[in-house]
PDB file of all heavy atoms in Angstrom:
ATOM      1  N   ALA A   1     310.807 186.097 178.096  1.00  0.00           N
ATOM      2  CA  ALA A   1     311.263 187.140 179.018  1.00  0.00           C
ATOM      3  C   ALA A   1     312.757 187.041 179.285  1.00  0.00           C
ATOM      4  O   ALA A   1     313.364 188.001 179.774  1.00  0.00           O
ATOM      5  CB  ALA A   1     310.486 187.048 180.335  1.00  0.00           C
ATOM      6  N   GLU A   2     313.374 185.902 178.964  1.00  0.00           N
ATOM      7  CA  GLU A   2     314.804 185.708 179.232  1.00  0.00           C
ATOM      8  C   GLU A   2     315.682 186.152 178.061  1.00  0.00           C
ATOM      9  O   GLU A   2     316.903 186.007 178.115  1.00  0.00           O
ATOM     10  CB  GLU A   2     315.097 184.235 179.547  1.00  0.00           C
ATOM     11  CG  GLU A   2     314.483 183.724 180.845  1.00  0.00           C
ATOM     12  CD  GLU A   2     313.004 183.458 180.724  1.00  0.00           C
ATOM     13  OE1 GLU A   2     312.537 183.203 179.592  1.00  0.00           O
ATOM     14  OE2 GLU A   2     312.313 183.527 181.752  1.00  0.00           O
ATOM     15  N   PHE A   3     315.089 186.683 177.014  1.00  0.00           N
ATOM     16  CA  PHE A   3     315.842 187.051 175.818  1.00  0.00           C
ATOM     17  C   PHE A   3     316.550 188.383 176.016  1.00  0.00           C
ATOM     18  O   PHE A   3     315.949 189.361 176.449  1.00  0.00           O
ATOM     19  CB  PHE A   3     314.892 187.140 174.622  1.00  0.00           C
ATOM     20  CG  PHE A   3     315.552 187.531 173.327  1.00  0.00           C
ATOM     21  CD1 PHE A   3     316.491 186.709 172.730  1.00  0.00           C
ATOM     22  CD2 PHE A   3     315.216 188.714 172.698  1.00  0.00           C
ATOM     23  CE1 PHE A   3     317.077 187.062 171.529  1.00  0.00           C
ATOM     24  CE2 PHE A   3     315.795 189.083 171.497  1.00  0.00           C
ATOM     25  CZ  PHE A   3     316.734 188.249 170.916  1.00  0.00           C
ATOM     26  N   GLU A   4     317.849 188.426 175.690  1.00  0.00           N
ATOM     27  CA  GLU A   4     318.635 189.660 175.769  1.00  0.00           C
ATOM     28  C   GLU A   4     319.401 189.844 174.463  1.00  0.00           C
ATOM     29  O   GLU A   4     320.274 189.050 174.135  1.00  0.00           O
ATOM     30  CB  GLU A   4     319.619 189.610 176.946  1.00  0.00           C
ATOM     31  CG  GLU A   4     318.949 189.545 178.309  1.00  0.00           C
ATOM     32  CD  GLU A   4     319.958 189.539 179.444  1.00  0.00           C
ATOM     33  OE1 GLU A   4     321.177 189.525 179.149  1.00  0.00           O
ATOM     34  OE2 GLU A   4     319.540 189.542 180.605  1.00  0.00           O
ATOM     35  N   LEU A   5     319.083 190.894 173.742  1.00  0.00           N
ATOM     36  CA  LEU A   5     319.752 191.205 172.481  1.00  0.00           C
ATOM     37  C   LEU A   5     320.608 192.444 172.643  1.00  0.00           C
ATOM     38  O   LEU A   5     320.140 193.474 173.135  1.00  0.00           O
ATOM     39  CB  LEU A   5     318.728 191.437 171.374  1.00  0.00           C
ATOM     40  CG  LEU A   5     319.284 191.991 170.056  1.00  0.00           C
ATOM     41  CD1 LEU A   5     320.187 190.968 169.374  1.00  0.00           C
ATOM     42  CD2 LEU A   5     318.159 192.429 169.126  1.00  0.00           C
ATOM     43  N   THR A   6     321.860 192.340 172.233  1.00  0.00           N
ATOM     44  CA  THR A   6     322.741 193.505 172.146  1.00  0.00           C
ATOM     45  C   THR A   6     323.256 193.589 170.725  1.00  0.00           C
ATOM     46  O   THR A   6     323.977 192.704 170.253  1.00  0.00           O
ATOM     47  CB  THR A   6     323.928 193.389 173.119  1.00  0.00           C
ATOM     48  OG1 THR A   6     323.429 193.274 174.461  1.00  0.00           O
ATOM     49  CG2 THR A   6     324.810 194.624 173.026  1.00  0.00           C
ATOM     50  N   ALA A   7     322.864 194.635 170.011  1.00  0.00           N
ATOM     51  CA  ALA A   7     323.336 194.884 168.648  1.00  0.00           C
ATOM     52  C   ALA A   7     324.093 196.201 168.653  1.00  0.00           C
ATOM     53  O   ALA A   7     323.487 197.278 168.670  1.00  0.00           O
ATOM     54  CB  ALA A   7     322.170 194.922 167.671  1.00  0.00           C
ATOM     55  N   GLU A   8     325.412 196.127 168.684  1.00  0.00           N
ATOM     56  CA  GLU A   8     326.266 197.314 168.827  1.00  0.00           C
ATOM     57  C   GLU A   8     327.382 197.305 167.790  1.00  0.00           C
ATOM     58  O   GLU A   8     327.847 196.249 167.358  1.00  0.00           O
ATOM     59  CB  GLU A   8     326.897 197.344 170.219  1.00  0.00           C
ATOM     60  CG  GLU A   8     325.918 197.545 171.362  1.00  0.00           C
ATOM     61  CD  GLU A   8     326.618 197.625 172.711  1.00  0.00           C
ATOM     62  OE1 GLU A   8     327.719 197.043 172.854  1.00  0.00           O
ATOM     63  OE2 GLU A   8     326.059 198.262 173.614  1.00  0.00           O
ATOM     64  N   ASN A   9     327.811 198.515 167.426  1.00  0.00           N
ATOM     65  CA  ASN A   9     328.966 198.700 166.548  1.00  0.00           C
ATOM     66  C   ASN A   9     328.825 197.949 165.234  1.00  0.00           C
ATOM     67  O   ASN A   9     329.755 197.302 164.755  1.00  0.00           O
ATOM     68  CB  ASN A   9     330.258 198.273 167.259  1.00  0.00           C
ATOM     69  CG  ASN A   9     330.843 199.405 168.080  1.00  0.00           C
ATOM     70  OD1 ASN A   9     330.501 200.572 167.901  1.00  0.00           O
ATOM     71  ND2 ASN A   9     331.725 199.062 168.989  1.00  0.00           N
ATOM     72  N   ASN A  10     327.634 198.022 164.637  1.00  0.00           N
ATOM     73  CA  ASN A  10     327.410 197.481 163.300  1.00  0.00           C
ATOM     74  C   ASN A  10     327.316 198.626 162.297  1.00  0.00           C
ATOM     75  O   ASN A  10     326.809 199.704 162.615  1.00  0.00           O
ATOM     76  CB  ASN A  10     326.119 196.664 163.263  1.00  0.00           C
ATOM     77  CG  ASN A  10     326.159 195.479 164.205  1.00  0.00           C
ATOM     78  OD1 ASN A  10     326.826 194.489 163.936  1.00  0.00           O
ATOM     79  ND2 ASN A  10     325.455 195.590 165.327  1.00  0.00           N
ATOM     80  N   ILE A  11     327.805 198.388 161.084  1.00  0.00           N
ATOM     81  CA  ILE A  11     327.757 199.377 160.016  1.00  0.00           C
ATOM     82  C   ILE A  11     326.781 198.901 158.956  1.00  0.00           C
ATOM     83  O   ILE A  11     326.890 197.777 158.459  1.00  0.00           O
ATOM     84  CB  ILE A  11     329.147 199.596 159.391  1.00  0.00           C
ATOM     85  CG1 ILE A  11     330.104 200.184 160.428  1.00  0.00           C
ATOM     86  CG2 ILE A  11     329.053 200.505 158.165  1.00  0.00           C
ATOM     87  CD1 ILE A  11     331.545 200.246 159.952  1.00  0.00           C
ATOM     88  N   MET A  12     325.807 199.745 158.612  1.00  0.00           N
ATOM     89  CA  MET A  12     324.825 199.415 157.597  1.00  0.00           C
ATOM     90  C   MET A  12     324.824 200.508 156.536  1.00  0.00           C
ATOM     91  O   MET A  12     324.601 201.681 156.855  1.00  0.00           O
ATOM     92  CB  MET A  12     323.443 199.270 158.235  1.00  0.00           C
ATOM     93  CG  MET A  12     323.302 198.045 159.120  1.00  0.00           C
ATOM     94  SD  MET A  12     321.993 198.175 160.381  1.00  0.00           S
ATOM     95  CE  MET A  12     322.898 198.938 161.742  1.00  0.00           C
ATOM     96  N   VAL A  13     325.095 200.147 155.289  1.00  0.00           N
ATOM     97  CA  VAL A  13     325.135 201.117 154.194  1.00  0.00           C
ATOM     98  C   VAL A  13     324.330 200.585 153.011  1.00  0.00           C
ATOM     99  O   VAL A  13     324.251 199.379 152.784  1.00  0.00           O
ATOM    100  CB  VAL A  13     326.584 201.440 153.758  1.00  0.00           C
ATOM    101  CG1 VAL A  13     327.358 202.098 154.877  1.00  0.00           C
ATOM    102  CG2 VAL A  13     327.305 200.192 153.284  1.00  0.00           C
ATOM    103  N   ASN A  14     323.726 201.535 152.286  1.00  0.00           N
ATOM    104  CA  ASN A  14     322.942 201.191 151.093  1.00  0.00           C
ATOM    105  C   ASN A  14     321.949 200.066 151.398  1.00  0.00           C
ATOM    106  O   ASN A  14     321.833 199.092 150.648  1.00  0.00           O
ATOM    107  CB  ASN A  14     323.854 200.790 149.929  1.00  0.00           C
ATOM    108  CG  ASN A  14     323.104 200.728 148.614  1.00  0.00           C
ATOM    109  OD1 ASN A  14     322.137 201.457 148.409  1.00  0.00           O
ATOM    110  ND2 ASN A  14     323.541 199.846 147.722  1.00  0.00           N
ATOM    111  N   SER A  15     321.248 200.194 152.499  1.00  0.00           N
ATOM    112  CA  SER A  15     320.358 199.129 152.959  1.00  0.00           C
ATOM    113  C   SER A  15     319.078 199.724 153.537  1.00  0.00           C
ATOM    114  O   SER A  15     318.980 200.920 153.776  1.00  0.00           O
ATOM    115  CB  SER A  15     321.065 198.275 154.025  1.00  0.00           C
ATOM    116  OG  SER A  15     322.201 197.630 153.502  1.00  0.00           O
ATOM    117  N   GLY A  16     318.093 198.849 153.758  1.00  0.00           N
ATOM    118  CA  GLY A  16     316.835 199.246 154.366  1.00  0.00           C
ATOM    119  C   GLY A  16     315.647 198.887 153.500  1.00  0.00           C
ATOM    120  O   GLY A  16     315.776 198.660 152.291  1.00  0.00           O
ATOM    121  N   ASP A  17     314.470 198.806 154.132  1.00  0.00           N
ATOM    122  CA  ASP A  17     313.267 198.494 153.379  1.00  0.00           C
ATOM    123  C   ASP A  17     312.743 199.760 152.700  1.00  0.00           C
ATOM    124  O   ASP A  17     313.400 200.803 152.683  1.00  0.00           O
ATOM    125  CB  ASP A  17     312.219 197.840 154.283  1.00  0.00           C
ATOM    126  CG  ASP A  17     311.618 198.789 155.307  1.00  0.00           C
ATOM    127  OD1 ASP A  17     312.044 199.968 155.364  1.00  0.00           O
ATOM    128  OD2 ASP A  17     310.722 198.367 156.053  1.00  0.00           O
ATOM    129  N   SER A  18     311.545 199.684 152.123  1.00  0.00           N
ATOM    130  CA  SER A  18     311.006 200.812 151.358  1.00  0.00           C
ATOM    131  C   SER A  18     310.759 202.043 152.224  1.00  0.00           C
ATOM    132  O   SER A  18     310.695 203.166 151.715  1.00  0.00           O
ATOM    133  CB  SER A  18     309.705 200.396 150.660  1.00  0.00           C
ATOM    134  OG  SER A  18     308.748 199.940 151.602  1.00  0.00           O
ATOM    135  N   ASP A  19     310.623 201.842 153.550  1.00  0.00           N
ATOM    136  CA  ASP A  19     310.449 202.972 154.473  1.00  0.00           C
ATOM    137  C   ASP A  19     311.760 203.422 155.097  1.00  0.00           C
ATOM    138  O   ASP A  19     311.769 204.327 155.939  1.00  0.00           O
ATOM    139  CB  ASP A  19     309.474 202.592 155.586  1.00  0.00           C
ATOM    140  CG  ASP A  19     308.064 202.341 155.069  1.00  0.00           C
ATOM    141  OD1 ASP A  19     307.652 203.063 154.138  1.00  0.00           O
ATOM    142  OD2 ASP A  19     307.393 201.428 155.579  1.00  0.00           O
ATOM    143  N   GLY A  20     312.852 202.785 154.710  1.00  0.00           N
ATOM    144  CA  GLY A  20     314.148 203.149 155.265  1.00  0.00           C
ATOM    145  C   GLY A  20     314.479 202.460 156.571  1.00  0.00           C
ATOM    146  O   GLY A  20     315.520 202.735 157.173  1.00  0.00           O
ATOM    147  N   GLU A  21     313.616 201.565 157.034  1.00  0.00           N
ATOM    148  CA  GLU A  21     313.864 200.877 158.302  1.00  0.00           C
ATOM    149  C   GLU A  21     314.986 199.852 158.162  1.00  0.00           C
ATOM    150  O   GLU A  21     315.073 199.137 157.156  1.00  0.00           O
ATOM    151  CB  GLU A  21     312.600 200.184 158.793  1.00  0.00           C
ATOM    152  CG  GLU A  21     311.516 201.149 159.233  1.00  0.00           C
ATOM    153  CD  GLU A  21     310.242 200.436 159.662  1.00  0.00           C
ATOM    154  OE1 GLU A  21     310.176 199.191 159.547  1.00  0.00           O
ATOM    155  OE2 GLU A  21     309.316 201.138 160.107  1.00  0.00           O
ATOM    156  N   LEU A  22     315.803 199.757 159.212  1.00  0.00           N
ATOM    157  CA  LEU A  22     316.916 198.807 159.239  1.00  0.00           C
ATOM    158  C   LEU A  22     316.798 197.795 160.360  1.00  0.00           C
ATOM    159  O   LEU A  22     317.507 196.782 160.358  1.00  0.00           O
ATOM    160  CB  LEU A  22     318.237 199.574 159.379  1.00  0.00           C
ATOM    161  CG  LEU A  22     318.634 200.341 158.124  1.00  0.00           C
ATOM    162  CD1 LEU A  22     319.501 201.535 158.472  1.00  0.00           C
ATOM    163  CD2 LEU A  22     319.340 199.434 157.140  1.00  0.00           C
ATOM    164  N   PHE A  23     315.924 198.054 161.310  1.00  0.00           N
ATOM    165  CA  PHE A  23     315.708 197.117 162.433  1.00  0.00           C
ATOM    166  C   PHE A  23     314.243 197.075 162.783  1.00  0.00           C
ATOM    167  O   PHE A  23     313.573 198.097 162.865  1.00  0.00           O
ATOM    168  CB  PHE A  23     316.505 197.555 163.666  1.00  0.00           C
ATOM    169  CG  PHE A  23     316.279 196.680 164.875  1.00  0.00           C
ATOM    170  CD1 PHE A  23     317.110 195.608 165.130  1.00  0.00           C
ATOM    171  CD2 PHE A  23     315.214 196.922 165.739  1.00  0.00           C
ATOM    172  CE1 PHE A  23     316.890 194.784 166.242  1.00  0.00           C
ATOM    173  CE2 PHE A  23     314.993 196.111 166.847  1.00  0.00           C
ATOM    174  CZ  PHE A  23     315.830 195.033 167.088  1.00  0.00           C
ATOM    175  N   LYS A  24     313.745 195.841 163.028  1.00  0.00           N
ATOM    176  CA  LYS A  24     312.399 195.683 163.556  1.00  0.00           C
ATOM    177  C   LYS A  24     312.343 194.409 164.381  1.00  0.00           C
ATOM    178  O   LYS A  24     312.900 193.383 164.003  1.00  0.00           O
ATOM    179  CB  LYS A  24     311.350 195.610 162.450  1.00  0.00           C
ATOM    180  CG  LYS A  24     309.920 195.539 163.006  1.00  0.00           C
ATOM    181  CD  LYS A  24     308.875 195.544 161.912  1.00  0.00           C
ATOM    182  CE  LYS A  24     307.469 195.509 162.517  1.00  0.00           C
ATOM    183  NZ  LYS A  24     306.417 195.533 161.479  1.00  0.00           N
ATOM    184  N   ALA A  25     311.664 194.482 165.521  1.00  0.00           N
ATOM    185  CA  ALA A  25     311.433 193.321 166.372  1.00  0.00           C
ATOM    186  C   ALA A  25     309.960 193.247 166.714  1.00  0.00           C
ATOM    187  O   ALA A  25     309.264 194.268 166.763  1.00  0.00           O
ATOM    188  CB  ALA A  25     312.262 193.410 167.659  1.00  0.00           C
ATOM    189  N   GLU A  26     309.479 192.036 166.939  1.00  0.00           N
ATOM    190  CA  GLU A  26     308.148 191.891 167.499  1.00  0.00           C
ATOM    191  C   GLU A  26     308.171 192.458 168.925  1.00  0.00           C
ATOM    192  O   GLU A  26     309.231 192.653 169.512  1.00  0.00           O
ATOM    193  CB  GLU A  26     307.737 190.423 167.512  1.00  0.00           C
ATOM    194  CG  GLU A  26     307.668 189.797 166.136  1.00  0.00           C
ATOM    195  CD  GLU A  26     306.681 190.491 165.217  1.00  0.00           C
ATOM    196  OE1 GLU A  26     305.618 190.906 165.695  1.00  0.00           O
ATOM    197  OE2 GLU A  26     306.993 190.636 164.020  1.00  0.00           O
ATOM    198  N   SER A  27     307.009 192.738 169.479  1.00  0.00           N
ATOM    199  CA  SER A  27     306.948 193.304 170.825  1.00  0.00           C
ATOM    200  C   SER A  27     307.595 192.338 171.816  1.00  0.00           C
ATOM    201  O   SER A  27     307.174 191.186 171.944  1.00  0.00           O
ATOM    202  CB  SER A  27     305.497 193.574 171.220  1.00  0.00           C
ATOM    203  OG  SER A  27     304.928 194.514 170.350  1.00  0.00           O
ATOM    204  N   LEU A  28     308.626 192.815 172.511  1.00  0.00           N
ATOM    205  CA  LEU A  28     309.333 191.964 173.461  1.00  0.00           C
ATOM    206  C   LEU A  28     308.613 191.998 174.811  1.00  0.00           C
ATOM    207  O   LEU A  28     308.170 193.058 175.265  1.00  0.00           O
ATOM    208  CB  LEU A  28     310.779 192.429 173.627  1.00  0.00           C
ATOM    209  CG  LEU A  28     311.652 192.372 172.381  1.00  0.00           C
ATOM    210  CD1 LEU A  28     313.087 192.735 172.721  1.00  0.00           C
ATOM    211  CD2 LEU A  28     311.605 191.001 171.724  1.00  0.00           C
ATOM    212  N   PRO A  29     308.519 190.858 175.493  1.00  0.00           N
ATOM    213  CA  PRO A  29     307.800 190.810 176.767  1.00  0.00           C
ATOM    214  C   PRO A  29     308.595 191.472 177.891  1.00  0.00           C
ATOM    215  O   PRO A  29     309.814 191.699 177.763  1.00  0.00           O
ATOM    216  CB  PRO A  29     307.653 189.309 177.022  1.00  0.00           C
ATOM    217  CG  PRO A  29     308.821 188.701 176.327  1.00  0.00           C
ATOM    218  CD  PRO A  29     309.040 189.529 175.100  1.00  0.00           C
ATOM    219  N   GLU A  30     307.938 191.773 178.981  1.00  0.00           N
ATOM    220  CA  GLU A  30     308.599 192.359 180.147  1.00  0.00           C
ATOM    221  C   GLU A  30     309.687 191.416 180.643  1.00  0.00           C
ATOM    222  O   GLU A  30     309.491 190.211 180.743  1.00  0.00           O
ATOM    223  CB  GLU A  30     307.589 192.612 181.255  1.00  0.00           C
ATOM    224  CG  GLU A  30     308.165 193.315 182.470  1.00  0.00           C
ATOM    225  CD  GLU A  30     307.118 193.618 183.519  1.00  0.00           C
ATOM    226  OE1 GLU A  30     305.920 193.373 183.248  1.00  0.00           O
ATOM    227  OE2 GLU A  30     307.504 194.102 184.606  1.00  0.00           O
TER     228      GLU A  30
END
């Protein structure tokens, strides 16, 4: 519950999985 992620101002090109996804996280707790 103490985890804080900030992912800002990143550039992603010619990338991604077969579905086009570029970000995935497990379910984060409250």
